Structure formats: structure tokens, C-alpha cells
Amino acid sequence: MNDSLTLLLEKAKTDKRLKDRIYATRSERNPVNALCELATAEGFPITAAELIDEGETSCAMMLRSVNGGGVEAPEGWDDLYEMFFAALDYL
């Protein structure tokens, strides 16, 4: 996961108010941008483009690592945004 999001998760472990604010971004008109703005305001800068690109890049690297054996990506592996919230739910 992206370093900024990992650090944001670490901070949210001990800061319930922050965790609630993170969840509140999901109800915003543009939830991805809202999450990025909150992360940046908390000192963990990330942009929506970085968030989307990192998920796609990670998935592409995983597929290349199987030397042609993996023709279909596992569902959801390219969605870093959803993976972030899955990790947050786990806290």
C-alpha cells in the first residue's frame, strides 16, 4: 500500500476522531479526492492520480510476475482506495 496511506492508517489506529473523519469522506461528492485532501491535511500527501496509478501498477506488476500464466487479475486488486478502507475496517 502507498506509504502515505499506510501512515494514515497507523495514525487512525489510535485516533478515533481521525478514523471517523476518514469514513466520512466516503459520503462526499467525490470520495477519492476527499480522502486525498484529508490525508494531505494530516501530513500524508497523496493525490487521486497517485492513488489510482499505484493500484493499477501494483496489479500489472503482479500479472507480469507470473510469466504469462495469470491472464486475469484477481477482482479488486487494482483498487487501492477500496483496499485502504478494507484495512481501516480491520483496525
PDB file of N, CA and C in Angstrom:
ATOM      1  N   MET A   1       0.852  -1.182   0.000  1.00  0.00           N
ATOM      2  CA  MET A   1       0.000   0.000   0.000  1.00  0.00           C
ATOM      3  C   MET A   1       0.891   1.237   0.000  1.00  0.00           C
ATOM      4  N   ASN A   2       0.392   2.303  -0.510  1.00  0.00           N
ATOM      5  CA  ASN A   2       1.087   3.580  -0.569  1.00  0.00           C
ATOM      6  C   ASN A   2       1.576   3.990   0.824  1.00  0.00           C
ATOM      7  N   ASP A   3       2.789   4.546   0.893  1.00  0.00           N
ATOM      8  CA  ASP A   3       3.365   4.946   2.183  1.00  0.00           C
ATOM      9  C   ASP A   3       2.478   5.943   2.930  1.00  0.00           C
ATOM     10  N   SER A   4       1.945   6.924   2.207  1.00  0.00           N
ATOM     11  CA  SER A   4       1.100   7.924   2.863  1.00  0.00           C
ATOM     12  C   SER A   4      -0.143   7.279   3.471  1.00  0.00           C
ATOM     13  N   LEU A   5      -0.769   6.374   2.732  1.00  0.00           N
ATOM     14  CA  LEU A   5      -1.969   5.718   3.263  1.00  0.00           C
ATOM     15  C   LEU A   5      -1.634   4.784   4.413  1.00  0.00           C
ATOM     16  N   THR A   6      -0.490   4.137   4.344  1.00  0.00           N
ATOM     17  CA  THR A   6      -0.062   3.268   5.442  1.00  0.00           C
ATOM     18  C   THR A   6       0.134   4.087   6.717  1.00  0.00           C
ATOM     19  N   LEU A   7       0.779   5.236   6.590  1.00  0.00           N
ATOM     20  CA  LEU A   7       0.991   6.104   7.752  1.00  0.00           C
ATOM     21  C   LEU A   7      -0.332   6.671   8.273  1.00  0.00           C
ATOM     22  N   LEU A   8      -1.252   6.985   7.359  1.00  0.00           N
ATOM     23  CA  LEU A   8      -2.568   7.465   7.775  1.00  0.00           C
ATOM     24  C   LEU A   8      -3.308   6.372   8.563  1.00  0.00           C
ATOM     25  N   LEU A   9      -3.207   5.130   8.108  1.00  0.00           N
ATOM     26  CA  LEU A   9      -3.823   4.013   8.842  1.00  0.00           C
ATOM     27  C   LEU A   9      -3.223   3.877  10.234  1.00  0.00           C
ATOM     28  N   GLU A  10      -1.903   3.996  10.307  1.00  0.00           N
ATOM     29  CA  GLU A  10      -1.230   3.888  11.604  1.00  0.00           C
ATOM     30  C   GLU A  10      -1.735   4.954  12.569  1.00  0.00           C
ATOM     31  N   LYS A  11      -1.892   6.172  12.063  1.00  0.00           N
ATOM     32  CA  LYS A  11      -2.378   7.249  12.919  1.00  0.00           C
ATOM     33  C   LYS A  11      -3.833   7.008  13.324  1.00  0.00           C
ATOM     34  N   ALA A  12      -4.639   6.478  12.398  1.00  0.00           N
ATOM     35  CA  ALA A  12      -6.059   6.224  12.673  1.00  0.00           C
ATOM     36  C   ALA A  12      -6.258   5.131  13.719  1.00  0.00           C
ATOM     37  N   LYS A  13      -5.242   4.271  13.901  1.00  0.00           N
ATOM     38  CA  LYS A  13      -5.347   3.216  14.913  1.00  0.00           C
ATOM     39  C   LYS A  13      -5.577   3.782  16.305  1.00  0.00           C
ATOM     40  N   THR A  14      -4.939   4.912  16.568  1.00  0.00           N
ATOM     41  CA  THR A  14      -5.009   5.494  17.909  1.00  0.00           C
ATOM     42  C   THR A  14      -5.833   6.771  17.975  1.00  0.00           C
ATOM     43  N   ASP A  15      -6.365   7.211  16.842  1.00  0.00           N
ATOM     44  CA  ASP A  15      -7.107   8.464  16.791  1.00  0.00           C
ATOM     45  C   ASP A  15      -8.504   8.210  16.219  1.00  0.00           C
ATOM     46  N   LYS A  16      -9.462   7.947  17.129  1.00  0.00           N
ATOM     47  CA  LYS A  16     -10.814   7.621  16.690  1.00  0.00           C
ATOM     48  C   LYS A  16     -11.450   8.756  15.891  1.00  0.00           C
ATOM     49  N   ARG A  17     -11.169   9.971  16.271  1.00  0.00           N
ATOM     50  CA  ARG A  17     -11.729  11.116  15.546  1.00  0.00           C
ATOM     51  C   ARG A  17     -11.247  11.119  14.093  1.00  0.00           C
ATOM     52  N   LEU A  18      -9.965  10.845  13.895  1.00  0.00           N
ATOM     53  CA  LEU A  18      -9.415  10.766  12.545  1.00  0.00           C
ATOM     54  C   LEU A  18     -10.074   9.622  11.769  1.00  0.00           C
ATOM     55  N   LYS A  19     -10.215   8.495  12.419  1.00  0.00           N
ATOM     56  CA  LYS A  19     -10.855   7.350  11.767  1.00  0.00           C
ATOM     57  C   LYS A  19     -12.271   7.703  11.320  1.00  0.00           C
ATOM     58  N   ASP A  20     -13.011   8.387  12.170  1.00  0.00           N
ATOM     59  CA  ASP A  20     -14.367   8.813  11.817  1.00  0.00           C
ATOM     60  C   ASP A  20     -14.346   9.801  10.648  1.00  0.00           C
ATOM     61  N   ARG A  21     -13.383  10.698  10.651  1.00  0.00           N
ATOM     62  CA  ARG A  21     -13.263  11.674   9.554  1.00  0.00           C
ATOM     63  C   ARG A  21     -12.922  10.973   8.241  1.00  0.00           C
ATOM     64  N   ILE A  22     -12.104   9.947   8.326  1.00  0.00           N
ATOM     65  CA  ILE A  22     -11.764   9.185   7.119  1.00  0.00           C
ATOM     66  C   ILE A  22     -13.020   8.520   6.562  1.00  0.00           C
ATOM     67  N   TYR A  23     -13.781   7.862   7.433  1.00  0.00           N
ATOM     68  CA  TYR A  23     -15.022   7.227   6.975  1.00  0.00           C
ATOM     69  C   TYR A  23     -15.998   8.260   6.401  1.00  0.00           C
ATOM     70  N   ALA A  24     -16.014   9.444   6.956  1.00  0.00           N
ATOM     71  CA  ALA A  24     -16.917  10.486   6.477  1.00  0.00           C
ATOM     72  C   ALA A  24     -16.609  10.902   5.044  1.00  0.00           C
ATOM     73  N   THR A  25     -15.371  10.716   4.599  1.00  0.00           N
ATOM     74  CA  THR A  25     -15.029  11.083   3.217  1.00  0.00           C
ATOM     75  C   THR A  25     -15.806  10.246   2.211  1.00  0.00           C
ATOM     76  N   ARG A  26     -16.246   9.066   2.618  1.00  0.00           N
ATOM     77  CA  ARG A  26     -16.979   8.193   1.690  1.00  0.00           C
ATOM     78  C   ARG A  26     -18.332   8.766   1.285  1.00  0.00           C
ATOM     79  N   SER A  27     -18.861   9.685   2.076  1.00  0.00           N
ATOM     80  CA  SER A  27     -20.164  10.266   1.740  1.00  0.00           C
ATOM     81  C   SER A  27     -20.040  11.590   0.988  1.00  0.00           C
ATOM     82  N   GLU A  28     -18.826  12.004   0.710  1.00  0.00           N
ATOM     83  CA  GLU A  28     -18.592  13.234  -0.053  1.00  0.00           C
ATOM     84  C   GLU A  28     -18.955  13.025  -1.520  1.00  0.00           C
ATOM     85  N   ARG A  29     -19.150  14.138  -2.210  1.00  0.00           N
ATOM     86  CA  ARG A  29     -19.495  14.085  -3.632  1.00  0.00           C
ATOM     87  C   ARG A  29     -18.402  13.362  -4.429  1.00  0.00           C
ATOM     88  N   ASN A  30     -17.135  13.627  -4.099  1.00  0.00           N
ATOM     89  CA  ASN A  30     -16.005  12.957  -4.727  1.00  0.00           C
ATOM     90  C   ASN A  30     -15.169  12.330  -3.616  1.00  0.00           C
ATOM     91  N   PRO A  31     -15.497  11.102  -3.218  1.00  0.00           N
ATOM     92  CA  PRO A  31     -14.854  10.494  -2.052  1.00  0.00           C
ATOM     93  C   PRO A  31     -13.346  10.283  -2.192  1.00  0.00           C
ATOM     94  N   VAL A  32     -12.873   9.985  -3.387  1.00  0.00           N
ATOM     95  CA  VAL A  32     -11.433   9.766  -3.572  1.00  0.00           C
ATOM     96  C   VAL A  32     -10.679  11.064  -3.311  1.00  0.00           C
ATOM     97  N   ASN A  33     -11.148  12.158  -3.901  1.00  0.00           N
ATOM     98  CA  ASN A  33     -10.493  13.445  -3.656  1.00  0.00           C
ATOM     99  C   ASN A  33     -10.600  13.853  -2.192  1.00  0.00           C
ATOM    100  N   ALA A  34     -11.740  13.602  -1.577  1.00  0.00           N
ATOM    101  CA  ALA A  34     -11.915  13.954  -0.164  1.00  0.00           C
ATOM    102  C   ALA A  34     -10.915  13.201   0.712  1.00  0.00           C
ATOM    103  N   LEU A  35     -10.720  11.922   0.427  1.00  0.00           N
ATOM    104  CA  LEU A  35      -9.744  11.140   1.192  1.00  0.00           C
ATOM    105  C   LEU A  35      -8.338  11.692   0.981  1.00  0.00           C
ATOM    106  N   CYS A  36      -7.999  11.999  -0.260  1.00  0.00           N
ATOM    107  CA  CYS A  36      -6.666  12.541  -0.555  1.00  0.00           C
ATOM    108  C   CYS A  36      -6.439  13.882   0.128  1.00  0.00           C
ATOM    109  N   GLU A  37      -7.453  14.728   0.129  1.00  0.00           N
ATOM    110  CA  GLU A  37      -7.332  16.030   0.796  1.00  0.00           C
ATOM    111  C   GLU A  37      -7.157  15.861   2.297  1.00  0.00           C
ATOM    112  N   LEU A  38      -7.890  14.938   2.898  1.00  0.00           N
ATOM    113  CA  LEU A  38      -7.754  14.682   4.333  1.00  0.00           C
ATOM    114  C   LEU A  38      -6.361  14.134   4.651  1.00  0.00           C
ATOM    115  N   ALA A  39      -5.912  13.160   3.863  1.00  0.00           N
ATOM    116  CA  ALA A  39      -4.581  12.576   4.086  1.00  0.00           C
ATOM    117  C   ALA A  39      -3.501  13.654   3.984  1.00  0.00           C
ATOM    118  N   THR A  40      -3.613  14.500   2.977  1.00  0.00           N
ATOM    119  CA  THR A  40      -2.633  15.573   2.788  1.00  0.00           C
ATOM    120  C   THR A  40      -2.676  16.562   3.950  1.00  0.00           C
ATOM    121  N   ALA A  41      -3.867  16.914   4.393  1.00  0.00           N
ATOM    122  CA  ALA A  41      -4.011  17.840   5.527  1.00  0.00           C
ATOM    123  C   ALA A  41      -3.420  17.246   6.802  1.00  0.00           C
ATOM    124  N   GLU A  42      -3.439  15.926   6.915  1.00  0.00           N
ATOM    125  CA  GLU A  42      -2.884  15.266   8.098  1.00  0.00           C
ATOM    126  C   GLU A  42      -1.369  15.048   7.988  1.00  0.00           C
ATOM    127  N   GLY A  43      -0.787  15.486   6.862  1.00  0.00           N
ATOM    128  CA  GLY A  43       0.655  15.368   6.695  1.00  0.00           C
ATOM    129  C   GLY A  43       1.095  14.153   5.910  1.00  0.00           C
ATOM    130  N   PHE A  44       0.164  13.493   5.248  1.00  0.00           N
ATOM    131  CA  PHE A  44       0.460  12.310   4.452  1.00  0.00           C
ATOM    132  C   PHE A  44      -0.001  12.544   3.019  1.00  0.00           C
ATOM    133  N   PRO A  45       0.762  13.329   2.248  1.00  0.00           N
ATOM    134  CA  PRO A  45       0.302  13.774   0.935  1.00  0.00           C
ATOM    135  C   PRO A  45       0.114  12.642  -0.073  1.00  0.00           C
ATOM    136  N   ILE A  46      -1.015  12.697  -0.760  1.00  0.00           N
ATOM    137  CA  ILE A  46      -1.323  11.772  -1.842  1.00  0.00           C
ATOM    138  C   ILE A  46      -2.362  12.447  -2.736  1.00  0.00           C
ATOM    139  N   THR A  47      -2.288  12.173  -4.011  1.00  0.00           N
ATOM    140  CA  THR A  47      -3.275  12.705  -4.951  1.00  0.00           C
ATOM    141  C   THR A  47      -4.133  11.563  -5.468  1.00  0.00           C
ATOM    142  N   ALA A  48      -5.269  11.919  -6.038  1.00  0.00           N
ATOM    143  CA  ALA A  48      -6.159  10.902  -6.601  1.00  0.00           C
ATOM    144  C   ALA A  48      -5.449  10.142  -7.716  1.00  0.00           C
ATOM    145  N   ALA A  49      -4.666  10.851  -8.526  1.00  0.00           N
ATOM    146  CA  ALA A  49      -3.937  10.200  -9.616  1.00  0.00           C
ATOM    147  C   ALA A  49      -2.947   9.168  -9.070  1.00  0.00           C
ATOM    148  N   GLU A  50      -2.258   9.508  -7.993  1.00  0.00           N
ATOM    149  CA  GLU A  50      -1.321   8.559  -7.379  1.00  0.00           C
ATOM    150  C   GLU A  50      -2.056   7.343  -6.841  1.00  0.00           C
ATOM    151  N   LEU A  51      -3.180   7.582  -6.232  1.00  0.00           N
ATOM    152  CA  LEU A  51      -3.982   6.503  -5.654  1.00  0.00           C
ATOM    153  C   LEU A  51      -4.419   5.525  -6.740  1.00  0.00           C
ATOM    154  N   ILE A  52      -4.911   6.039  -7.837  1.00  0.00           N
ATOM    155  CA  ILE A  52      -5.380   5.191  -8.931  1.00  0.00           C
ATOM    156  C   ILE A  52      -4.211   4.507  -9.619  1.00  0.00           C
ATOM    157  N   ASP A  53      -3.151   5.258  -9.897  1.00  0.00           N
ATOM    158  CA  ASP A  53      -1.995   4.699 -10.595  1.00  0.00           C
ATOM    159  C   ASP A  53      -1.324   3.598  -9.792  1.00  0.00           C
ATOM    160  N   GLU A  54      -1.188   3.794  -8.508  1.00  0.00           N
ATOM    161  CA  GLU A  54      -0.494   2.786  -7.705  1.00  0.00           C
ATOM    162  C   GLU A  54      -1.238   1.455  -7.700  1.00  0.00           C
ATOM    163  N   GLY A  55      -2.554   1.510  -7.618  1.00  0.00           N
ATOM    164  CA  GLY A  55      -3.328   0.267  -7.661  1.00  0.00           C
ATOM    165  C   GLY A  55      -3.176  -0.456  -8.981  1.00  0.00           C
ATOM    166  N   GLU A  56      -3.238   0.296 -10.079  1.00  0.00           N
ATOM    167  CA  GLU A  56      -3.089  -0.308 -11.404  1.00  0.00           C
ATOM    168  C   GLU A  56      -1.676  -0.837 -11.619  1.00  0.00           C
ATOM    169  N   THR A  57      -0.687  -0.084 -11.179  1.00  0.00           N
ATOM    170  CA  THR A  57       0.706  -0.502 -11.332  1.00  0.00           C
ATOM    171  C   THR A  57       0.983  -1.764 -10.532  1.00  0.00           C
ATOM    172  N   SER A  58       0.485  -1.819  -9.313  1.00  0.00           N
ATOM    173  CA  SER A  58       0.679  -2.997  -8.472  1.00  0.00           C
ATOM    174  C   SER A  58       0.065  -4.237  -9.112  1.00  0.00           C
ATOM    175  N   CYS A  59      -1.128  -4.093  -9.641  1.00  0.00           N
ATOM    176  CA  CYS A  59      -1.809  -5.212 -10.277  1.00  0.00           C
ATOM    177  C   CYS A  59      -1.051  -5.649 -11.539  1.00  0.00           C
ATOM    178  N   ALA A  60      -0.586  -4.696 -12.333  1.00  0.00           N
ATOM    179  CA  ALA A  60       0.158  -5.022 -13.549  1.00  0.00           C
ATOM    180  C   ALA A  60       1.461  -5.749 -13.209  1.00  0.00           C
ATOM    181  N   MET A  61       2.147  -5.311 -12.166  1.00  0.00           N
ATOM    182  CA  MET A  61       3.386  -5.980 -11.750  1.00  0.00           C
ATOM    183  C   MET A  61       3.105  -7.409 -11.319  1.00  0.00           C
ATOM    184  N   MET A  62       1.994  -7.617 -10.618  1.00  0.00           N
ATOM    185  CA  MET A  62       1.640  -8.957 -10.173  1.00  0.00           C
ATOM    186  C   MET A  62       1.391  -9.864 -11.384  1.00  0.00           C
ATOM    187  N   LEU A  63       0.689  -9.355 -12.383  1.00  0.00           N
ATOM    188  CA  LEU A  63       0.403 -10.164 -13.568  1.00  0.00           C
ATOM    189  C   LEU A  63       1.670 -10.472 -14.364  1.00  0.00           C
ATOM    190  N   ARG A  64       2.583  -9.508 -14.449  1.00  0.00           N
ATOM    191  CA  ARG A  64       3.833  -9.746 -15.172  1.00  0.00           C
ATOM    192  C   ARG A  64       4.705 -10.768 -14.452  1.00  0.00           C
ATOM    193  N   SER A  65       4.570 -10.889 -13.161  1.00  0.00           N
ATOM    194  CA  SER A  65       5.437 -11.769 -12.391  1.00  0.00           C
ATOM    195  C   SER A  65       5.143 -13.248 -12.605  1.00  0.00           C
ATOM    196  N   VAL A  66       4.047 -13.572 -13.254  1.00  0.00           N
ATOM    197  CA  VAL A  66       3.699 -14.988 -13.453  1.00  0.00           C
ATOM    198  C   VAL A  66       4.073 -15.479 -14.846  1.00  0.00           C
ATOM    199  N   ASN A  67       4.857 -14.689 -15.592  1.00  0.00           N
ATOM    200  CA  ASN A  67       5.357 -15.081 -16.912  1.00  0.00           C
ATOM    201  C   ASN A  67       4.264 -15.580 -17.838  1.00  0.00           C
ATOM    202  N   GLY A  68       3.193 -14.853 -17.902  1.00  0.00           N
ATOM    203  CA  GLY A  68       2.115 -15.199 -18.823  1.00  0.00           C
ATOM    204  C   GLY A  68       1.105 -16.185 -18.275  1.00  0.00           C
ATOM    205  N   GLY A  69       1.319 -16.690 -17.086  1.00  0.00           N
ATOM    206  CA  GLY A  69       0.401 -17.685 -16.530  1.00  0.00           C
ATOM    207  C   GLY A  69      -0.865 -17.094 -15.942  1.00  0.00           C
ATOM    208  N   GLY A  70      -0.839 -15.831 -15.566  1.00  0.00           N
ATOM    209  CA  GLY A  70      -2.009 -15.205 -14.960  1.00  0.00           C
ATOM    210  C   GLY A  70      -2.653 -14.239 -15.939  1.00  0.00           C
ATOM    211  N   VAL A  71      -3.633 -14.688 -16.668  1.00  0.00           N
ATOM    212  CA  VAL A  71      -4.222 -13.852 -17.702  1.00  0.00           C
ATOM    213  C   VAL A  71      -5.342 -12.963 -17.170  1.00  0.00           C
ATOM    214  N   GLU A  72      -5.860 -13.266 -16.004  1.00  0.00           N
ATOM    215  CA  GLU A  72      -6.916 -12.443 -15.425  1.00  0.00           C
ATOM    216  C   GLU A  72      -6.514 -11.994 -14.031  1.00  0.00           C
ATOM    217  N   ALA A  73      -6.638 -10.693 -13.801  1.00  0.00           N
ATOM    218  CA  ALA A  73      -6.282 -10.136 -12.497  1.00  0.00           C
ATOM    219  C   ALA A  73      -7.341 -10.508 -11.465  1.00  0.00           C
ATOM    220  N   PRO A  74      -6.920 -10.776 -10.240  1.00  0.00           N
ATOM    221  CA  PRO A  74      -7.900 -11.015  -9.174  1.00  0.00           C
ATOM    222  C   PRO A  74      -8.777  -9.787  -8.974  1.00  0.00           C
ATOM    223  N   GLU A  75     -10.040  -9.996  -8.775  1.00  0.00           N
ATOM    224  CA  GLU A  75     -11.005  -8.903  -8.596  1.00  0.00           C
ATOM    225  C   GLU A  75     -10.605  -7.987  -7.432  1.00  0.00           C
ATOM    226  N   GLY A  76     -10.555  -6.695  -7.700  1.00  0.00           N
ATOM    227  CA  GLY A  76     -10.326  -5.711  -6.645  1.00  0.00           C
ATOM    228  C   GLY A  76      -8.885  -5.411  -6.311  1.00  0.00           C
ATOM    229  N   TRP A  77      -7.940  -6.157  -6.846  1.00  0.00           N
ATOM    230  CA  TRP A  77      -6.534  -5.934  -6.510  1.00  0.00           C
ATOM    231  C   TRP A  77      -6.002  -4.627  -7.043  1.00  0.00           C
ATOM    232  N   ASP A  78      -6.679  -4.052  -8.026  1.00  0.00           N
ATOM    233  CA  ASP A  78      -6.206  -2.794  -8.593  1.00  0.00           C
ATOM    234  C   ASP A  78      -6.854  -1.585  -7.942  1.00  0.00           C
ATOM    235  N   ASP A  79      -7.699  -1.800  -6.946  1.00  0.00           N
ATOM    236  CA  ASP A  79      -8.434  -0.695  -6.319  1.00  0.00           C
ATOM    237  C   ASP A  79      -7.861  -0.386  -4.940  1.00  0.00           C
ATOM    238  N   LEU A  80      -6.819   0.431  -4.938  1.00  0.00           N
ATOM    239  CA  LEU A  80      -6.139   0.770  -3.687  1.00  0.00           C
ATOM    240  C   LEU A  80      -7.062   1.510  -2.728  1.00  0.00           C
ATOM    241  N   TYR A  81      -7.992   2.293  -3.272  1.00  0.00           N
ATOM    242  CA  TYR A  81      -8.958   3.023  -2.444  1.00  0.00           C
ATOM    243  C   TYR A  81      -9.777   2.042  -1.604  1.00  0.00           C
ATOM    244  N   GLU A  82     -10.338   1.030  -2.240  1.00  0.00           N
ATOM    245  CA  GLU A  82     -11.145   0.045  -1.513  1.00  0.00           C
ATOM    246  C   GLU A  82     -10.287  -0.804  -0.579  1.00  0.00           C
ATOM    247  N   MET A  83      -9.064  -1.092  -0.994  1.00  0.00           N
ATOM    248  CA  MET A  83      -8.159  -1.862  -0.131  1.00  0.00           C
ATOM    249  C   MET A  83      -7.812  -1.061   1.122  1.00  0.00           C
ATOM    250  N   PHE A  84      -7.677   0.256   0.978  1.00  0.00           N
ATOM    251  CA  PHE A  84      -7.413   1.111   2.130  1.00  0.00           C
ATOM    252  C   PHE A  84      -8.561   1.007   3.134  1.00  0.00           C
ATOM    253  N   PHE A  85      -9.789   1.092   2.655  1.00  0.00           N
ATOM    254  CA  PHE A  85     -10.940   1.025   3.566  1.00  0.00           C
ATOM    255  C   PHE A  85     -11.108  -0.388   4.156  1.00  0.00           C
ATOM    256  N   ALA A  86     -10.736  -1.408   3.416  1.00  0.00           N
ATOM    257  CA  ALA A  86     -10.762  -2.765   3.973  1.00  0.00           C
ATOM    258  C   ALA A  86      -9.774  -2.865   5.137  1.00  0.00           C
ATOM    259  N   ALA A  87      -8.605  -2.262   4.962  1.00  0.00           N
ATOM    260  CA  ALA A  87      -7.612  -2.251   6.048  1.00  0.00           C
ATOM    261  C   ALA A  87      -8.111  -1.426   7.228  1.00  0.00           C
ATOM    262  N   LEU A  88      -8.780  -0.314   6.948  1.00  0.00           N
ATOM    263  CA  LEU A  88      -9.323   0.523   8.013  1.00  0.00           C
ATOM    264  C   LEU A  88     -10.402  -0.226   8.787  1.00  0.00           C
ATOM    265  N   ASP A  89     -11.236  -0.973   8.084  1.00  0.00           N
ATOM    266  CA  ASP A  89     -12.263  -1.799   8.740  1.00  0.00           C
ATOM    267  C   ASP A  89     -11.633  -2.830   9.666  1.00  0.00           C
ATOM    268  N   TYR A  90     -10.488  -3.324   9.282  1.00  0.00           N
ATOM    269  CA  TYR A  90      -9.793  -4.359  10.049  1.00  0.00           C
ATOM    270  C   TYR A  90      -9.233  -3.824  11.364  1.00  0.00           C
ATOM    271  N   LEU A  91      -8.953  -2.499  11.405  1.00  0.00           N
ATOM    272  CA  LEU A  91      -8.382  -1.926  12.632  1.00  0.00           C
ATOM    273  C   LEU A  91      -9.307  -2.159  13.752  1.00  0.00           C
TER     274      LEU A  91
END
